[in-house]
Amino acid sequence: MSPRTGRPKAENPKDIDVKVRFDRELNDKLLKYCEENNITRAEAIRQGVHLLLEKKK
């Protein structure tokens, strides 16, 4: 048997898929924010969720 090859398993895999619908204006603002901060849309949305959860504490 040969050893397993490929990428190692992630410690905290992101295996949940969420779909969100935005209007054009909000999407444009999100894209601009992502470009200015050099992050992906998914990462920006994750950060937004974290902010909402922290605000609740």
N, C-alpha and C. Protein backbone atom coordinates (compact mmCIF):
# COMPACT_ATOMS: atom_id res chain seq x y z
N MET A 1 0.83 -1.19 0.00
CA MET A 1 0.00 0.00 0.00
C MET A 1 0.87 1.25 0.00
N SER A 2 0.54 2.19 -0.84
CA SER A 2 1.26 3.46 -0.85
C SER A 2 0.60 4.43 0.14
N PRO A 3 1.37 5.38 0.67
CA PRO A 3 0.78 6.34 1.62
C PRO A 3 -0.24 7.23 0.92
N ARG A 4 -1.16 7.76 1.69
CA ARG A 4 -2.18 8.66 1.12
C ARG A 4 -1.52 9.92 0.61
N THR A 5 -2.00 10.39 -0.51
CA THR A 5 -1.48 11.63 -1.07
C THR A 5 -2.60 12.64 -1.17
N GLY A 6 -2.22 13.89 -1.39
CA GLY A 6 -3.22 14.95 -1.51
C GLY A 6 -3.14 15.91 -0.35
N ARG A 7 -4.08 16.82 -0.33
CA ARG A 7 -4.11 17.83 0.73
C ARG A 7 -4.52 17.20 2.05
N PRO A 8 -3.94 17.67 3.15
CA PRO A 8 -4.38 17.16 4.45
C PRO A 8 -5.79 17.68 4.77
N LYS A 9 -6.48 16.94 5.59
CA LYS A 9 -7.83 17.35 6.00
C LYS A 9 -7.78 18.65 6.78
N ALA A 10 -8.75 19.54 6.54
CA ALA A 10 -8.82 20.81 7.25
C ALA A 10 -9.25 20.57 8.69
N GLU A 11 -8.75 21.40 9.59
CA GLU A 11 -9.08 21.27 11.00
C GLU A 11 -10.55 21.62 11.24
N ASN A 12 -11.02 22.66 10.56
CA ASN A 12 -12.41 23.12 10.69
C ASN A 12 -12.97 23.32 9.28
N PRO A 13 -13.38 22.25 8.61
CA PRO A 13 -13.81 22.38 7.22
C PRO A 13 -15.07 23.23 7.08
N LYS A 14 -15.13 23.98 6.00
CA LYS A 14 -16.30 24.81 5.70
C LYS A 14 -17.18 24.02 4.72
N ASP A 15 -17.99 23.13 5.27
CA ASP A 15 -18.77 22.24 4.43
C ASP A 15 -20.26 22.57 4.40
N ILE A 16 -20.65 23.69 4.96
CA ILE A 16 -22.04 24.13 4.93
C ILE A 16 -22.18 25.21 3.86
N ASP A 17 -23.12 25.03 2.95
CA ASP A 17 -23.34 25.97 1.86
C ASP A 17 -24.59 26.78 2.15
N VAL A 18 -24.48 28.11 2.10
CA VAL A 18 -25.60 29.00 2.37
C VAL A 18 -25.83 29.88 1.15
N LYS A 19 -27.08 30.02 0.75
CA LYS A 19 -27.40 30.87 -0.39
C LYS A 19 -28.14 32.11 0.12
N VAL A 20 -27.71 33.26 -0.37
CA VAL A 20 -28.31 34.53 0.04
C VAL A 20 -28.61 35.34 -1.22
N ARG A 21 -29.74 36.02 -1.22
CA ARG A 21 -30.10 36.86 -2.36
C ARG A 21 -29.92 38.32 -1.95
N PHE A 22 -29.18 39.10 -2.77
CA PHE A 22 -28.95 40.51 -2.54
C PHE A 22 -29.54 41.31 -3.68
N ASP A 23 -29.93 42.55 -3.40
CA ASP A 23 -30.27 43.42 -4.52
C ASP A 23 -28.97 43.97 -5.10
N ARG A 24 -29.04 44.56 -6.26
CA ARG A 24 -27.84 45.00 -6.98
C ARG A 24 -27.03 46.01 -6.17
N GLU A 25 -27.72 46.94 -5.50
CA GLU A 25 -27.02 47.97 -4.73
C GLU A 25 -26.19 47.36 -3.60
N LEU A 26 -26.78 46.45 -2.85
CA LEU A 26 -26.05 45.82 -1.75
C LEU A 26 -24.89 44.97 -2.27
N ASN A 27 -25.11 44.27 -3.36
CA ASN A 27 -24.04 43.46 -3.94
C ASN A 27 -22.88 44.34 -4.40
N ASP A 28 -23.19 45.48 -5.03
CA ASP A 28 -22.14 46.40 -5.47
C ASP A 28 -21.33 46.92 -4.29
N LYS A 29 -22.02 47.24 -3.18
CA LYS A 29 -21.33 47.71 -1.98
C LYS A 29 -20.44 46.61 -1.41
N LEU A 30 -20.94 45.39 -1.41
CA LEU A 30 -20.16 44.26 -0.90
C LEU A 30 -18.91 44.03 -1.76
N LEU A 31 -19.08 44.06 -3.08
CA LEU A 31 -17.94 43.86 -3.97
C LEU A 31 -16.89 44.95 -3.80
N LYS A 32 -17.34 46.18 -3.63
CA LYS A 32 -16.41 47.30 -3.42
C LYS A 32 -15.65 47.10 -2.11
N TYR A 33 -16.35 46.73 -1.04
CA TYR A 33 -15.71 46.48 0.25
C TYR A 33 -14.66 45.37 0.12
N CYS A 34 -15.03 44.30 -0.56
CA CYS A 34 -14.12 43.16 -0.72
C CYS A 34 -12.87 43.56 -1.50
N GLU A 35 -13.05 44.34 -2.54
CA GLU A 35 -11.91 44.79 -3.34
C GLU A 35 -10.99 45.68 -2.52
N GLU A 36 -11.57 46.60 -1.75
CA GLU A 36 -10.78 47.53 -0.94
C GLU A 36 -10.01 46.80 0.17
N ASN A 37 -10.60 45.72 0.69
CA ASN A 37 -10.00 44.99 1.81
C ASN A 37 -9.33 43.68 1.40
N ASN A 38 -9.31 43.43 0.09
CA ASN A 38 -8.64 42.26 -0.46
C ASN A 38 -9.10 40.95 0.20
N ILE A 39 -10.43 40.79 0.29
CA ILE A 39 -11.01 39.56 0.83
C ILE A 39 -12.09 39.06 -0.13
N THR A 40 -12.48 37.82 0.04
CA THR A 40 -13.54 37.25 -0.79
C THR A 40 -14.90 37.66 -0.23
N ARG A 41 -15.92 37.50 -1.07
CA ARG A 41 -17.28 37.79 -0.61
C ARG A 41 -17.66 36.87 0.56
N ALA A 42 -17.29 35.60 0.45
CA ALA A 42 -17.61 34.66 1.52
C ALA A 42 -16.97 35.08 2.83
N GLU A 43 -15.71 35.50 2.78
CA GLU A 43 -15.03 35.93 4.00
C GLU A 43 -15.69 37.18 4.59
N ALA A 44 -16.10 38.12 3.74
CA ALA A 44 -16.78 39.33 4.22
C ALA A 44 -18.09 38.97 4.91
N ILE A 45 -18.83 38.03 4.36
CA ILE A 45 -20.10 37.61 4.96
C ILE A 45 -19.84 36.91 6.29
N ARG A 46 -18.79 36.06 6.34
CA ARG A 46 -18.43 35.40 7.62
C ARG A 46 -18.11 36.45 8.68
N GLN A 47 -17.33 37.46 8.30
CA GLN A 47 -16.98 38.52 9.25
C GLN A 47 -18.22 39.25 9.73
N GLY A 48 -19.18 39.48 8.82
CA GLY A 48 -20.43 40.14 9.20
C GLY A 48 -21.22 39.32 10.21
N VAL A 49 -21.27 38.02 10.02
CA VAL A 49 -21.98 37.15 10.96
C VAL A 49 -21.29 37.18 12.32
N HIS A 50 -19.96 37.15 12.32
CA HIS A 50 -19.22 37.23 13.59
C HIS A 50 -19.51 38.55 14.30
N LEU A 51 -19.58 39.65 13.56
CA LEU A 51 -19.90 40.95 14.16
C LEU A 51 -21.29 40.94 14.80
N LEU A 52 -22.26 40.36 14.11
CA LEU A 52 -23.62 40.28 14.65
C LEU A 52 -23.65 39.45 15.94
N LEU A 53 -22.93 38.35 15.95
CA LEU A 53 -22.91 37.49 17.15
C LEU A 53 -22.20 38.16 18.32
N GLU A 54 -21.12 38.88 18.05
CA GLU A 54 -20.40 39.61 19.10
C GLU A 54 -21.25 40.74 19.66
N LYS A 55 -21.99 41.41 18.80
CA LYS A 55 -22.85 42.54 19.21
C LYS A 55 -23.92 42.07 20.19
N LYS A 56 -24.38 40.84 20.02
CA LYS A 56 -25.45 40.31 20.85
C LYS A 56 -24.99 40.04 22.28
N LYS A 57 -23.70 39.81 22.51
CA LYS A 57 -23.18 39.48 23.84
C LYS A 57 -23.29 40.61 24.82
